[in-house]
Amino acid sequence: MNKPSTPDLIRQVASHALGAAEKLLPEWLPEGKRNGREWVALNTARGDRQAGSFGISLDSGRWNDFADDNAHGGDLVSLLAYLRGCRQVEAAQEIDQRLTLGFFNSTGIDAQQLEQRIRIAEETRRATIQLEQERLQQKQRQAANQAAKLWQMAKPADRQHAYLQAKGVQPLRLRQLSQGRLLIPLCWDGHLVNLQIIDGSGTKRFLTGGRVQSCYSPLGRISEGCRLYVCEGWATGATLHVHTGSPVVCAMNAGNLKPVAIAMRERYGQSVELVIAGDDDRQTLGNPGRTAANRAANAADALVVFPDWPADAPIELSDFNDLDVWGSQHRKKQP
């Protein structure tokens, strides 16, 4: 009887761990949350202060922190090894014990039996993924229908809305529901699929189950030969659009910059000059805004720009809207 090798055992544990990902990841990264088919969390290994750059796929187990080029891996065993700072075999043994799999304690299992278990586990995983994808698509369709209804019943946004006043921007084409709820449209392939809702206190949320990845909020008309900016937040996009006159698509967060930039390049090809207008998170370890913008630019063959900070600009400012608001207030104080 041929005993399975250590790499075989690790591979088997990784396969079973993926099936239990929604149980394990909240234990390893309790500050995280599920976002579609991804677990987004603070990277505890490098002392993250804000979630957004660190994500783990619930379908494949692949994980990546775009704020750290060395933080990535292909399965949940490598993830736990990274989080614990240990060898993969030690991480596999911990998962083996947590899930009571017994692979590292078993003496009767041979390589052929192990391969059969791996095949069965993989078939089960694929069936589970397909079912989850069908459920996700159904939720996205429902959210898109809800978005269309809310957009239809909403009125043009009030330029005196507290959020717009704080950001120093005009409502442009935003709409507004009762109780001061602003609606920011999210599109995919030119169609409304989701909304970001901002209440009077500035709290933001998307429609439950709505698609976000690769989606964007458009400002202005995209035409052949134009300069097209891709940025994170809507207020930043509104600032860029007004000051440059160019169209802008807002990706809504740093993790979505690259997917949106690639989608724009695929849709418009070289007929537009694509420019990533990145955030500059100077106070955050690894500067995830700058890192995400550079990666998006490289992936989409685009230019990249960042705010040009005056010497006396406060360090907590991070995007083009911050710079514009601070600049306006600063000029008012000048004698």
C-alpha atoms as a PDB file:
ATOM      1  CA  MET A   1       0.000   0.000   0.000  1.00  0.00           C
ATOM      2  CA  ASN A   2       1.435   3.369  -1.071  1.00  0.00           C
ATOM      3  CA  LYS A   3       0.965   6.012   1.585  1.00  0.00           C
ATOM      4  CA  PRO A   4      -0.058   9.409   0.244  1.00  0.00           C
ATOM      5  CA  SER A   5       2.660  12.044   0.178  1.00  0.00           C
ATOM      6  CA  THR A   6       2.525  15.223   2.231  1.00  0.00           C
ATOM      7  CA  PRO A   7       1.667  17.339  -0.861  1.00  0.00           C
ATOM      8  CA  ASP A   8      -1.216  14.941  -1.613  1.00  0.00           C
ATOM      9  CA  LEU A   9      -2.523  15.338   1.938  1.00  0.00           C
ATOM     10  CA  ILE A  10      -2.252  19.131   1.731  1.00  0.00           C
ATOM     11  CA  ARG A  11      -4.098  19.096  -1.590  1.00  0.00           C
ATOM     12  CA  GLN A  12      -6.876  16.952  -0.104  1.00  0.00           C
ATOM     13  CA  VAL A  13      -7.233  19.211   2.940  1.00  0.00           C
ATOM     14  CA  ALA A  14      -7.323  22.290   0.679  1.00  0.00           C
ATOM     15  CA  SER A  15     -10.149  20.743  -1.342  1.00  0.00           C
ATOM     16  CA  HIS A  16     -12.216  20.048   1.775  1.00  0.00           C
ATOM     17  CA  ALA A  17     -11.380  23.473   3.226  1.00  0.00           C
ATOM     18  CA  LEU A  18     -12.822  25.138   0.147  1.00  0.00           C
ATOM     19  CA  GLY A  19     -16.106  23.339   0.695  1.00  0.00           C
ATOM     20  CA  ALA A  20     -16.123  24.704   4.249  1.00  0.00           C
ATOM     21  CA  ALA A  21     -14.865  28.180   3.306  1.00  0.00           C
ATOM     22  CA  GLU A  22     -17.933  30.014   4.616  1.00  0.00           C
ATOM     23  CA  LYS A  23     -17.346  28.406   8.009  1.00  0.00           C
ATOM     24  CA  LEU A  24     -13.570  28.818   8.157  1.00  0.00           C
ATOM     25  CA  LEU A  25     -13.087  32.339   6.807  1.00  0.00           C
ATOM     26  CA  PRO A  26     -15.270  34.069   9.452  1.00  0.00           C
ATOM     27  CA  GLU A  27     -13.157  32.287  12.073  1.00  0.00           C
ATOM     28  CA  TRP A  28      -9.837  33.314  10.532  1.00  0.00           C
ATOM     29  CA  LEU A  29     -10.906  36.803   9.450  1.00  0.00           C
ATOM     30  CA  PRO A  30     -13.839  37.742  11.729  1.00  0.00           C
ATOM     31  CA  GLU A  31     -13.824  41.407  10.663  1.00  0.00           C
ATOM     32  CA  GLY A  32     -14.600  40.430   7.080  1.00  0.00           C
ATOM     33  CA  LYS A  33     -17.843  40.005   5.212  1.00  0.00           C
ATOM     34  CA  ARG A  34     -19.150  38.215   2.170  1.00  0.00           C
ATOM     35  CA  ASN A  35     -19.335  40.268  -1.029  1.00  0.00           C
ATOM     36  CA  GLY A  36     -20.902  38.150  -3.762  1.00  0.00           C
ATOM     37  CA  ARG A  37     -18.640  35.117  -4.160  1.00  0.00           C
ATOM     38  CA  GLU A  38     -15.758  36.707  -2.289  1.00  0.00           C
ATOM     39  CA  TRP A  39     -14.807  37.189   1.354  1.00  0.00           C
ATOM     40  CA  VAL A  40     -13.467  40.729   1.833  1.00  0.00           C
ATOM     41  CA  ALA A  41     -11.615  41.429   5.058  1.00  0.00           C
ATOM     42  CA  LEU A  42      -8.904  43.314   6.874  1.00  0.00           C
ATOM     43  CA  ASN A  43      -5.496  41.760   6.297  1.00  0.00           C
ATOM     44  CA  THR A  44      -4.560  40.931   9.870  1.00  0.00           C
ATOM     45  CA  ALA A  45      -1.078  39.845   8.780  1.00  0.00           C
ATOM     46  CA  ARG A  46      -0.113  43.425   7.911  1.00  0.00           C
ATOM     47  CA  GLY A  47      -2.329  45.412  10.266  1.00  0.00           C
ATOM     48  CA  ASP A  48      -4.962  46.696   7.842  1.00  0.00           C
ATOM     49  CA  ARG A  49      -7.019  49.607   9.107  1.00  0.00           C
ATOM     50  CA  GLN A  50      -9.634  49.491   6.354  1.00  0.00           C
ATOM     51  CA  ALA A  51     -11.108  46.566   4.412  1.00  0.00           C
ATOM     52  CA  GLY A  52     -11.139  46.553   0.645  1.00  0.00           C
ATOM     53  CA  SER A  53      -7.754  45.416  -0.592  1.00  0.00           C
ATOM     54  CA  PHE A  54      -7.790  41.836   0.769  1.00  0.00           C
ATOM     55  CA  GLY A  55     -10.152  39.305  -0.797  1.00  0.00           C
ATOM     56  CA  ILE A  56     -10.604  35.528  -0.952  1.00  0.00           C
ATOM     57  CA  SER A  57     -12.609  33.755  -3.652  1.00  0.00           C
ATOM     58  CA  LEU A  58     -15.245  31.412  -2.247  1.00  0.00           C
ATOM     59  CA  ASP A  59     -15.233  29.496  -5.527  1.00  0.00           C
ATOM     60  CA  SER A  60     -11.524  28.806  -6.026  1.00  0.00           C
ATOM     61  CA  GLY A  61      -9.874  29.658  -2.719  1.00  0.00           C
ATOM     62  CA  ARG A  62      -7.502  32.054  -4.472  1.00  0.00           C
ATOM     63  CA  TRP A  63      -6.632  35.076  -2.352  1.00  0.00           C
ATOM     64  CA  ASN A  64      -4.875  38.331  -2.974  1.00  0.00           C
ATOM     65  CA  ASP A  65      -4.034  41.635  -1.321  1.00  0.00           C
ATOM     66  CA  PHE A  66      -3.518  44.247  -4.015  1.00  0.00           C
ATOM     67  CA  ALA A  67      -1.755  46.477  -1.493  1.00  0.00           C
ATOM     68  CA  ASP A  68       1.002  43.865  -1.043  1.00  0.00           C
ATOM     69  CA  ASP A  69       2.556  42.171  -4.086  1.00  0.00           C
ATOM     70  CA  ASN A  70       3.790  39.282  -1.921  1.00  0.00           C
ATOM     71  CA  ALA A  71       0.380  38.486  -0.415  1.00  0.00           C
ATOM     72  CA  HIS A  72      -1.362  36.028  -2.721  1.00  0.00           C
ATOM     73  CA  GLY A  73      -2.025  32.310  -2.996  1.00  0.00           C
ATOM     74  CA  GLY A  74      -4.058  29.634  -4.691  1.00  0.00           C
ATOM     75  CA  ASP A  75      -5.946  27.897  -1.866  1.00  0.00           C
ATOM     76  CA  LEU A  76      -7.087  28.163   1.743  1.00  0.00           C
ATOM     77  CA  VAL A  77      -4.164  26.170   3.122  1.00  0.00           C
ATOM     78  CA  SER A  78      -1.715  28.746   1.788  1.00  0.00           C
ATOM     79  CA  LEU A  79      -3.988  31.495   3.152  1.00  0.00           C
ATOM     80  CA  LEU A  80      -3.937  30.090   6.682  1.00  0.00           C
ATOM     81  CA  ALA A  81      -0.165  29.574   6.456  1.00  0.00           C
ATOM     82  CA  TYR A  82       0.176  33.251   5.511  1.00  0.00           C
ATOM     83  CA  LEU A  83      -2.110  34.432   8.315  1.00  0.00           C
ATOM     84  CA  ARG A  84      -0.426  32.215  10.915  1.00  0.00           C
ATOM     85  CA  GLY A  85       3.120  32.739   9.623  1.00  0.00           C
ATOM     86  CA  CYS A  86       3.672  28.979   9.500  1.00  0.00           C
ATOM     87  CA  ARG A  87       4.445  26.214   6.974  1.00  0.00           C
ATOM     88  CA  GLN A  88       1.654  24.934   4.731  1.00  0.00           C
ATOM     89  CA  VAL A  89       1.833  21.453   6.257  1.00  0.00           C
ATOM     90  CA  GLU A  90       1.181  22.970   9.690  1.00  0.00           C
ATOM     91  CA  ALA A  91      -1.746  24.970   8.327  1.00  0.00           C
ATOM     92  CA  ALA A  92      -3.121  21.837   6.659  1.00  0.00           C
ATOM     93  CA  GLN A  93      -2.877  19.939   9.938  1.00  0.00           C
ATOM     94  CA  GLU A  94      -4.787  22.702  11.744  1.00  0.00           C
ATOM     95  CA  ILE A  95      -7.573  22.594   9.145  1.00  0.00           C
ATOM     96  CA  ASP A  96      -7.552  18.782   9.247  1.00  0.00           C
ATOM     97  CA  GLN A  97      -8.188  18.905  12.997  1.00  0.00           C
ATOM     98  CA  ARG A  98     -10.746  21.727  12.770  1.00  0.00           C
ATOM     99  CA  LEU A  99     -12.846  19.846  10.206  1.00  0.00           C
ATOM    100  CA  THR A 100     -12.141  16.439  11.828  1.00  0.00           C
ATOM    101  CA  LEU A 101     -11.005  15.057   8.486  1.00  0.00           C
ATOM    102  CA  GLY A 102      -8.424  12.685   9.978  1.00  0.00           C
ATOM    103  CA  PHE A 103      -6.112  12.596   6.966  1.00  0.00           C
ATOM    104  CA  PHE A 104      -2.958  13.264   8.954  1.00  0.00           C
ATOM    105  CA  ASN A 105      -3.919  10.641  11.558  1.00  0.00           C
ATOM    106  CA  SER A 106      -5.008   7.952   9.123  1.00  0.00           C
ATOM    107  CA  THR A 107      -2.735   4.971   8.476  1.00  0.00           C
ATOM    108  CA  GLY A 108      -5.055   2.922   6.308  1.00  0.00           C
ATOM    109  CA  ILE A 109      -5.626   5.293   3.404  1.00  0.00           C
ATOM    110  CA  ASP A 110      -3.523   4.790   0.263  1.00  0.00           C
ATOM    111  CA  ALA A 111      -2.799   7.123  -2.629  1.00  0.00           C
ATOM    112  CA  GLN A 112      -5.541   5.635  -4.833  1.00  0.00           C
ATOM    113  CA  GLN A 113      -8.187   6.105  -2.143  1.00  0.00           C
ATOM    114  CA  LEU A 114      -6.996   9.628  -1.566  1.00  0.00           C
ATOM    115  CA  GLU A 115      -7.225  10.442  -5.281  1.00  0.00           C
ATOM    116  CA  GLN A 116     -10.777   9.100  -5.360  1.00  0.00           C
ATOM    117  CA  ARG A 117     -11.733  11.257  -2.370  1.00  0.00           C
ATOM    118  CA  ILE A 118     -10.218  14.290  -4.058  1.00  0.00           C
ATOM    119  CA  ARG A 119     -12.216  13.577  -7.242  1.00  0.00           C
ATOM    120  CA  ILE A 120     -15.485  13.210  -5.316  1.00  0.00           C
ATOM    121  CA  ALA A 121     -14.802  16.374  -3.335  1.00  0.00           C
ATOM    122  CA  GLU A 122     -14.039  18.280  -6.556  1.00  0.00           C
ATOM    123  CA  GLU A 123     -17.256  17.089  -8.213  1.00  0.00           C
ATOM    124  CA  THR A 124     -19.232  18.139  -5.136  1.00  0.00           C
ATOM    125  CA  ARG A 125     -17.499  21.517  -5.097  1.00  0.00           C
ATOM    126  CA  ARG A 126     -18.292  22.163  -8.761  1.00  0.00           C
ATOM    127  CA  ALA A 127     -21.948  21.289  -8.262  1.00  0.00           C
ATOM    128  CA  THR A 128     -22.104  23.600  -5.246  1.00  0.00           C
ATOM    129  CA  ILE A 129     -20.483  26.441  -7.207  1.00  0.00           C
ATOM    130  CA  GLN A 130     -22.950  26.044 -10.062  1.00  0.00           C
ATOM    131  CA  LEU A 131     -25.879  26.164  -7.653  1.00  0.00           C
ATOM    132  CA  GLU A 132     -24.436  29.215  -5.884  1.00  0.00           C
ATOM    133  CA  GLN A 133     -23.882  30.980  -9.205  1.00  0.00           C
ATOM    134  CA  GLU A 134     -27.476  30.348 -10.230  1.00  0.00           C
ATOM    135  CA  ARG A 135     -28.694  31.762  -6.923  1.00  0.00           C
ATOM    136  CA  LEU A 136     -26.375  34.754  -7.269  1.00  0.00           C
ATOM    137  CA  GLN A 137     -27.618  35.499 -10.786  1.00  0.00           C
ATOM    138  CA  GLN A 138     -31.207  35.326  -9.564  1.00  0.00           C
ATOM    139  CA  LYS A 139     -30.425  37.813  -6.765  1.00  0.00           C
ATOM    140  CA  GLN A 140     -28.693  40.105  -9.255  1.00  0.00           C
ATOM    141  CA  ARG A 141     -31.730  40.038 -11.560  1.00  0.00           C
ATOM    142  CA  GLN A 142     -34.005  40.884  -8.642  1.00  0.00           C
ATOM    143  CA  ALA A 143     -31.727  43.744  -7.589  1.00  0.00           C
ATOM    144  CA  ALA A 144     -31.625  45.097 -11.147  1.00  0.00           C
ATOM    145  CA  ASN A 145     -35.427  45.090 -11.287  1.00  0.00           C
ATOM    146  CA  GLN A 146     -35.594  46.872  -7.933  1.00  0.00           C
ATOM    147  CA  ALA A 147     -33.025  49.425  -9.113  1.00  0.00           C
ATOM    148  CA  ALA A 148     -35.090  50.212 -12.216  1.00  0.00           C
ATOM    149  CA  LYS A 149     -38.253  50.715 -10.144  1.00  0.00           C
ATOM    150  CA  LEU A 150     -36.567  52.949  -7.563  1.00  0.00           C
ATOM    151  CA  TRP A 151     -34.868  55.013 -10.261  1.00  0.00           C
ATOM    152  CA  GLN A 152     -38.155  55.452 -12.066  1.00  0.00           C
ATOM    153  CA  MET A 153     -40.035  56.671  -8.995  1.00  0.00           C
ATOM    154  CA  ALA A 154     -37.251  58.967  -7.724  1.00  0.00           C
ATOM    155  CA  LYS A 155     -37.037  62.701  -8.388  1.00  0.00           C
ATOM    156  CA  PRO A 156     -34.031  64.802  -9.451  1.00  0.00           C
ATOM    157  CA  ALA A 157     -31.658  65.204  -6.511  1.00  0.00           C
ATOM    158  CA  ASP A 158     -31.781  68.386  -4.436  1.00  0.00           C
ATOM    159  CA  ARG A 159     -28.582  70.397  -4.877  1.00  0.00           C
ATOM    160  CA  GLN A 160     -28.866  71.325  -1.180  1.00  0.00           C
ATOM    161  CA  HIS A 161     -28.582  67.688  -0.089  1.00  0.00           C
ATOM    162  CA  ALA A 162     -26.189  67.453   2.865  1.00  0.00           C
ATOM    163  CA  TYR A 163     -23.878  64.965   1.117  1.00  0.00           C
ATOM    164  CA  LEU A 164     -23.592  67.072  -2.033  1.00  0.00           C
ATOM    165  CA  GLN A 165     -22.961  70.195   0.013  1.00  0.00           C
ATOM    166  CA  ALA A 166     -20.242  68.463   2.035  1.00  0.00           C
ATOM    167  CA  LYS A 167     -18.547  67.239  -1.156  1.00  0.00           C
ATOM    168  CA  GLY A 168     -18.983  70.571  -2.930  1.00  0.00           C
ATOM    169  CA  VAL A 169     -20.510  68.987  -6.046  1.00  0.00           C
ATOM    170  CA  GLN A 170     -23.649  69.446  -8.101  1.00  0.00           C
ATOM    171  CA  PRO A 171     -26.202  66.603  -8.288  1.00  0.00           C
ATOM    172  CA  LEU A 172     -25.659  66.248 -12.046  1.00  0.00           C
ATOM    173  CA  ARG A 173     -28.063  63.417 -12.984  1.00  0.00           C
ATOM    174  CA  LEU A 174     -28.491  61.853  -9.544  1.00  0.00           C
ATOM    175  CA  ARG A 175     -31.950  61.161  -8.219  1.00  0.00           C
ATOM    176  CA  GLN A 176     -33.410  61.211  -4.751  1.00  0.00           C
ATOM    177  CA  LEU A 177     -36.021  59.280  -2.783  1.00  0.00           C
ATOM    178  CA  SER A 178     -37.871  60.375   0.332  1.00  0.00           C
ATOM    179  CA  GLN A 179     -35.940  61.017   3.554  1.00  0.00           C
ATOM    180  CA  GLY A 180     -33.027  62.440   1.584  1.00  0.00           C
ATOM    181  CA  ARG A 181     -31.803  59.181   0.086  1.00  0.00           C
ATOM    182  CA  LEU A 182     -29.564  59.855  -2.908  1.00  0.00           C
ATOM    183  CA  LEU A 183     -29.457  57.295  -5.715  1.00  0.00           C
ATOM    184  CA  ILE A 184     -26.227  56.705  -7.627  1.00  0.00           C
ATOM    185  CA  PRO A 185     -26.760  54.423 -10.643  1.00  0.00           C
ATOM    186  CA  LEU A 186     -24.449  51.463 -11.279  1.00  0.00           C
ATOM    187  CA  CYS A 187     -24.312  50.140 -14.815  1.00  0.00           C
ATOM    188  CA  TRP A 188     -22.897  47.066 -16.473  1.00  0.00           C
ATOM    189  CA  ASP A 189     -22.527  46.941 -20.237  1.00  0.00           C
ATOM    190  CA  GLY A 190     -24.601  50.116 -20.440  1.00  0.00           C
ATOM    191  CA  HIS A 191     -27.559  48.792 -18.404  1.00  0.00           C
ATOM    192  CA  LEU A 192     -28.681  49.815 -14.906  1.00  0.00           C
ATOM    193  CA  VAL A 193     -28.056  46.871 -12.567  1.00  0.00           C
ATOM    194  CA  ASN A 194     -27.680  48.348  -9.079  1.00  0.00           C
ATOM    195  CA  LEU A 195     -27.855  51.518  -7.001  1.00  0.00           C
ATOM    196  CA  GLN A 196     -25.677  53.000  -4.327  1.00  0.00           C
ATOM    197  CA  ILE A 197     -27.949  54.689  -1.787  1.00  0.00           C
ATOM    198  CA  ILE A 198     -26.555  57.530   0.343  1.00  0.00           C
ATOM    199  CA  ASP A 199     -28.643  58.849   3.208  1.00  0.00           C
ATOM    200  CA  GLY A 200     -28.519  62.317   4.760  1.00  0.00           C
ATOM    201  CA  SER A 201     -25.722  61.321   7.145  1.00  0.00           C
ATOM    202  CA  GLY A 202     -23.528  60.033   4.310  1.00  0.00           C
ATOM    203  CA  THR A 203     -24.012  56.318   5.015  1.00  0.00           C
ATOM    204  CA  LYS A 204     -23.667  54.297   1.810  1.00  0.00           C
ATOM    205  CA  ARG A 205     -25.093  50.935   0.819  1.00  0.00           C
ATOM    206  CA  PHE A 206     -25.825  48.950  -2.331  1.00  0.00           C
ATOM    207  CA  LEU A 207     -29.031  47.079  -3.030  1.00  0.00           C
ATOM    208  CA  THR A 208     -28.955  43.644  -1.440  1.00  0.00           C
ATOM    209  CA  GLY A 209     -27.764  41.036  -3.912  1.00  0.00           C
ATOM    210  CA  GLY A 210     -26.939  43.602  -6.587  1.00  0.00           C
ATOM    211  CA  ARG A 211     -23.940  43.259  -8.829  1.00  0.00           C
ATOM    212  CA  VAL A 212     -20.956  45.520  -8.042  1.00  0.00           C
ATOM    213  CA  GLN A 213     -17.830  43.991  -9.586  1.00  0.00           C
ATOM    214  CA  SER A 214     -17.091  45.440 -13.047  1.00  0.00           C
ATOM    215  CA  CYS A 215     -20.026  47.855 -12.608  1.00  0.00           C
ATOM    216  CA  TYR A 216     -19.621  51.616 -12.783  1.00  0.00           C
ATOM    217  CA  SER A 217     -21.486  54.892 -12.463  1.00  0.00           C
ATOM    218  CA  PRO A 218     -21.142  56.950 -15.685  1.00  0.00           C
ATOM    219  CA  LEU A 219     -20.781  60.730 -15.919  1.00  0.00           C
ATOM    220  CA  GLY A 220     -20.845  62.359 -19.349  1.00  0.00           C
ATOM    221  CA  ARG A 221     -20.962  60.951 -22.852  1.00  0.00           C
ATOM    222  CA  ILE A 222     -18.184  58.640 -24.028  1.00  0.00           C
ATOM    223  CA  SER A 223     -17.237  59.309 -27.647  1.00  0.00           C
ATOM    224  CA  GLU A 224     -14.470  58.241 -29.997  1.00  0.00           C
ATOM    225  CA  GLY A 225     -11.217  60.037 -29.346  1.00  0.00           C
ATOM    226  CA  CYS A 226     -12.213  61.315 -25.900  1.00  0.00           C
ATOM    227  CA  ARG A 227     -10.262  61.089 -22.674  1.00  0.00           C
ATOM    228  CA  LEU A 228     -12.091  58.730 -20.311  1.00  0.00           C
ATOM    229  CA  TYR A 229     -11.312  58.833 -16.595  1.00  0.00           C
ATOM    230  CA  VAL A 230     -11.820  55.886 -14.251  1.00  0.00           C
ATOM    231  CA  CYS A 231     -11.910  56.700 -10.535  1.00  0.00           C
ATOM    232  CA  GLU A 232     -13.171  55.252  -7.250  1.00  0.00           C
ATOM    233  CA  GLY A 233     -16.005  57.266  -5.655  1.00  0.00           C
ATOM    234  CA  TRP A 234     -18.843  59.198  -7.275  1.00  0.00           C
ATOM    235  CA  ALA A 235     -17.929  62.542  -5.657  1.00  0.00           C
ATOM    236  CA  THR A 236     -14.399  62.187  -7.040  1.00  0.00           C
ATOM    237  CA  GLY A 237     -15.889  61.426 -10.454  1.00  0.00           C
ATOM    238  CA  ALA A 238     -18.202  64.439 -10.302  1.00  0.00           C
ATOM    239  CA  THR A 239     -15.235  66.690  -9.448  1.00  0.00           C
ATOM    240  CA  LEU A 240     -13.191  65.319 -12.354  1.00  0.00           C
ATOM    241  CA  HIS A 241     -16.097  65.592 -14.794  1.00  0.00           C
ATOM    242  CA  VAL A 242     -16.872  69.224 -13.941  1.00  0.00           C
ATOM    243  CA  HIS A 243     -13.249  70.398 -13.940  1.00  0.00           C
ATOM    244  CA  THR A 244     -12.109  68.536 -17.075  1.00  0.00           C
ATOM    245  CA  GLY A 245     -15.300  68.279 -19.126  1.00  0.00           C
ATOM    246  CA  SER A 246     -14.331  64.669 -19.877  1.00  0.00           C
ATOM    247  CA  PRO A 247     -16.507  61.613 -19.272  1.00  0.00           C
ATOM    248  CA  VAL A 248     -15.845  59.620 -16.116  1.00  0.00           C
ATOM    249  CA  VAL A 249     -16.820  56.167 -14.901  1.00  0.00           C
ATOM    250  CA  CYS A 250     -16.799  55.639 -11.120  1.00  0.00           C
ATOM    251  CA  ALA A 251     -15.819  52.168  -9.949  1.00  0.00           C
ATOM    252  CA  MET A 252     -17.109  52.861  -6.396  1.00  0.00           C
ATOM    253  CA  ASN A 253     -14.138  51.234  -4.613  1.00  0.00           C
ATOM    254  CA  ALA A 254     -10.441  50.481  -5.077  1.00  0.00           C
ATOM    255  CA  GLY A 255     -10.945  46.760  -5.608  1.00  0.00           C
ATOM    256  CA  ASN A 256     -13.229  47.460  -8.570  1.00  0.00           C
ATOM    257  CA  LEU A 257     -10.849  49.830 -10.403  1.00  0.00           C
ATOM    258  CA  LYS A 258      -9.065  47.096 -12.323  1.00  0.00           C
ATOM    259  CA  PRO A 259     -12.226  45.210 -13.460  1.00  0.00           C
ATOM    260  CA  VAL A 260     -13.870  48.463 -14.600  1.00  0.00           C
ATOM    261  CA  ALA A 261     -10.734  49.684 -16.376  1.00  0.00           C
ATOM    262  CA  ILE A 262     -10.432  46.378 -18.232  1.00  0.00           C
ATOM    263  CA  ALA A 263     -14.149  46.482 -19.120  1.00  0.00           C
ATOM    264  CA  MET A 264     -13.753  50.008 -20.546  1.00  0.00           C
ATOM    265  CA  ARG A 265     -10.713  48.998 -22.596  1.00  0.00           C
ATOM    266  CA  GLU A 266     -12.511  45.924 -23.927  1.00  0.00           C
ATOM    267  CA  ARG A 267     -15.607  47.933 -24.802  1.00  0.00           C
ATOM    268  CA  TYR A 268     -13.945  50.989 -26.398  1.00  0.00           C
ATOM    269  CA  GLY A 269     -10.548  49.628 -27.421  1.00  0.00           C
ATOM    270  CA  GLN A 270      -7.955  52.252 -28.335  1.00  0.00           C
ATOM    271  CA  SER A 271     -10.659  54.716 -29.456  1.00  0.00           C
ATOM    272  CA  VAL A 272     -10.467  56.420 -26.038  1.00  0.00           C
ATOM    273  CA  GLU A 273      -7.561  57.712 -23.991  1.00  0.00           C
ATOM    274  CA  LEU A 274      -8.057  55.822 -20.747  1.00  0.00           C
ATOM    275  CA  VAL A 275      -6.808  57.527 -17.574  1.00  0.00           C
ATOM    276  CA  ILE A 276      -6.995  56.069 -14.069  1.00  0.00           C
ATOM    277  CA  ALA A 277      -7.537  58.898 -11.556  1.00  0.00           C
ATOM    278  CA  GLY A 278      -6.333  57.186  -8.407  1.00  0.00           C
ATOM    279  CA  ASP A 279      -6.800  57.886  -4.726  1.00  0.00           C
ATOM    280  CA  ASP A 280      -3.629  58.533  -2.733  1.00  0.00           C
ATOM    281  CA  ASP A 281      -4.174  56.856   0.647  1.00  0.00           C
ATOM    282  CA  ARG A 282      -1.074  58.353   2.217  1.00  0.00           C
ATOM    283  CA  GLN A 283      -2.026  57.474   5.776  1.00  0.00           C
ATOM    284  CA  THR A 284      -2.787  53.802   5.050  1.00  0.00           C
ATOM    285  CA  LEU A 285      -0.077  51.150   5.123  1.00  0.00           C
ATOM    286  CA  GLY A 286       0.706  50.062   1.565  1.00  0.00           C
ATOM    287  CA  ASN A 287      -1.317  52.973   0.114  1.00  0.00           C
ATOM    288  CA  PRO A 288      -4.054  50.713  -1.332  1.00  0.00           C
ATOM    289  CA  GLY A 289      -5.570  53.512  -3.447  1.00  0.00           C
ATOM    290  CA  ARG A 290      -2.319  54.227  -5.290  1.00  0.00           C
ATOM    291  CA  THR A 291      -1.497  50.524  -5.583  1.00  0.00           C
ATOM    292  CA  ALA A 292      -4.928  49.671  -7.026  1.00  0.00           C
ATOM    293  CA  ALA A 293      -4.743  52.555  -9.516  1.00  0.00           C
ATOM    294  CA  ASN A 294      -1.319  51.506 -10.782  1.00  0.00           C
ATOM    295  CA  ARG A 295      -2.440  47.909 -11.195  1.00  0.00           C
ATOM    296  CA  ALA A 296      -5.577  48.995 -13.052  1.00  0.00           C
ATOM    297  CA  ALA A 297      -3.497  51.174 -15.371  1.00  0.00           C
ATOM    298  CA  ASN A 298      -1.071  48.353 -16.123  1.00  0.00           C
ATOM    299  CA  ALA A 299      -3.872  45.854 -16.764  1.00  0.00           C
ATOM    300  CA  ALA A 300      -5.844  48.167 -19.077  1.00  0.00           C
ATOM    301  CA  ASP A 301      -2.920  49.878 -20.853  1.00  0.00           C
ATOM    302  CA  ALA A 302      -4.007  53.213 -19.367  1.00  0.00           C
ATOM    303  CA  LEU A 303      -2.399  56.362 -18.025  1.00  0.00           C
ATOM    304  CA  VAL A 304      -2.603  57.091 -14.307  1.00  0.00           C
ATOM    305  CA  VAL A 305      -2.794  60.378 -12.376  1.00  0.00           C
ATOM    306  CA  PHE A 306      -2.942  61.256  -8.678  1.00  0.00           C
ATOM    307  CA  PRO A 307      -3.755  64.447  -6.769  1.00  0.00           C
ATOM    308  CA  ASP A 308      -0.900  66.952  -6.703  1.00  0.00           C
ATOM    309  CA  TRP A 309      -0.805  67.909  -3.043  1.00  0.00           C
ATOM    310  CA  PRO A 310       0.296  71.407  -1.995  1.00  0.00           C
ATOM    311  CA  ALA A 311       2.855  71.450   0.800  1.00  0.00           C
ATOM    312  CA  ASP A 312       0.280  72.572   3.371  1.00  0.00           C
ATOM    313  CA  ALA A 313      -2.463  70.087   2.390  1.00  0.00           C
ATOM    314  CA  PRO A 314      -3.550  67.920   5.369  1.00  0.00           C
ATOM    315  CA  ILE A 315      -2.209  64.364   5.239  1.00  0.00           C
ATOM    316  CA  GLU A 316      -5.692  62.833   5.673  1.00  0.00           C
ATOM    317  CA  LEU A 317      -6.814  64.078   2.236  1.00  0.00           C
ATOM    318  CA  SER A 318      -6.717  61.250  -0.293  1.00  0.00           C
ATOM    319  CA  ASP A 319      -8.647  61.950  -3.530  1.00  0.00           C
ATOM    320  CA  PHE A 320      -9.380  64.648  -6.103  1.00  0.00           C
ATOM    321  CA  ASN A 321     -12.599  65.667  -4.380  1.00  0.00           C
ATOM    322  CA  ASP A 322     -10.781  66.067  -1.054  1.00  0.00           C
ATOM    323  CA  LEU A 323      -8.257  68.314  -2.808  1.00  0.00           C
ATOM    324  CA  ASP A 324     -10.989  70.378  -4.460  1.00  0.00           C
ATOM    325  CA  VAL A 325     -12.999  70.882  -1.254  1.00  0.00           C
ATOM    326  CA  TRP A 326      -9.901  71.749   0.770  1.00  0.00           C
ATOM    327  CA  GLY A 327      -8.679  74.104  -1.967  1.00  0.00           C
ATOM    328  CA  SER A 328     -12.006  75.955  -2.039  1.00  0.00           C
ATOM    329  CA  GLN A 329     -12.037  76.381   1.737  1.00  0.00           C
ATOM    330  CA  HIS A 330      -8.369  77.376   1.730  1.00  0.00           C
ATOM    331  CA  ARG A 331      -8.950  80.100  -0.876  1.00  0.00           C
ATOM    332  CA  LYS A 332     -11.857  81.529   1.120  1.00  0.00           C
ATOM    333  CA  LYS A 333      -9.557  81.994   4.101  1.00  0.00           C
ATOM    334  CA  GLN A 334      -7.020  83.951   2.061  1.00  0.00           C
ATOM    335  CA  PRO A 335      -7.035  87.704   2.815  1.00  0.00           C
END
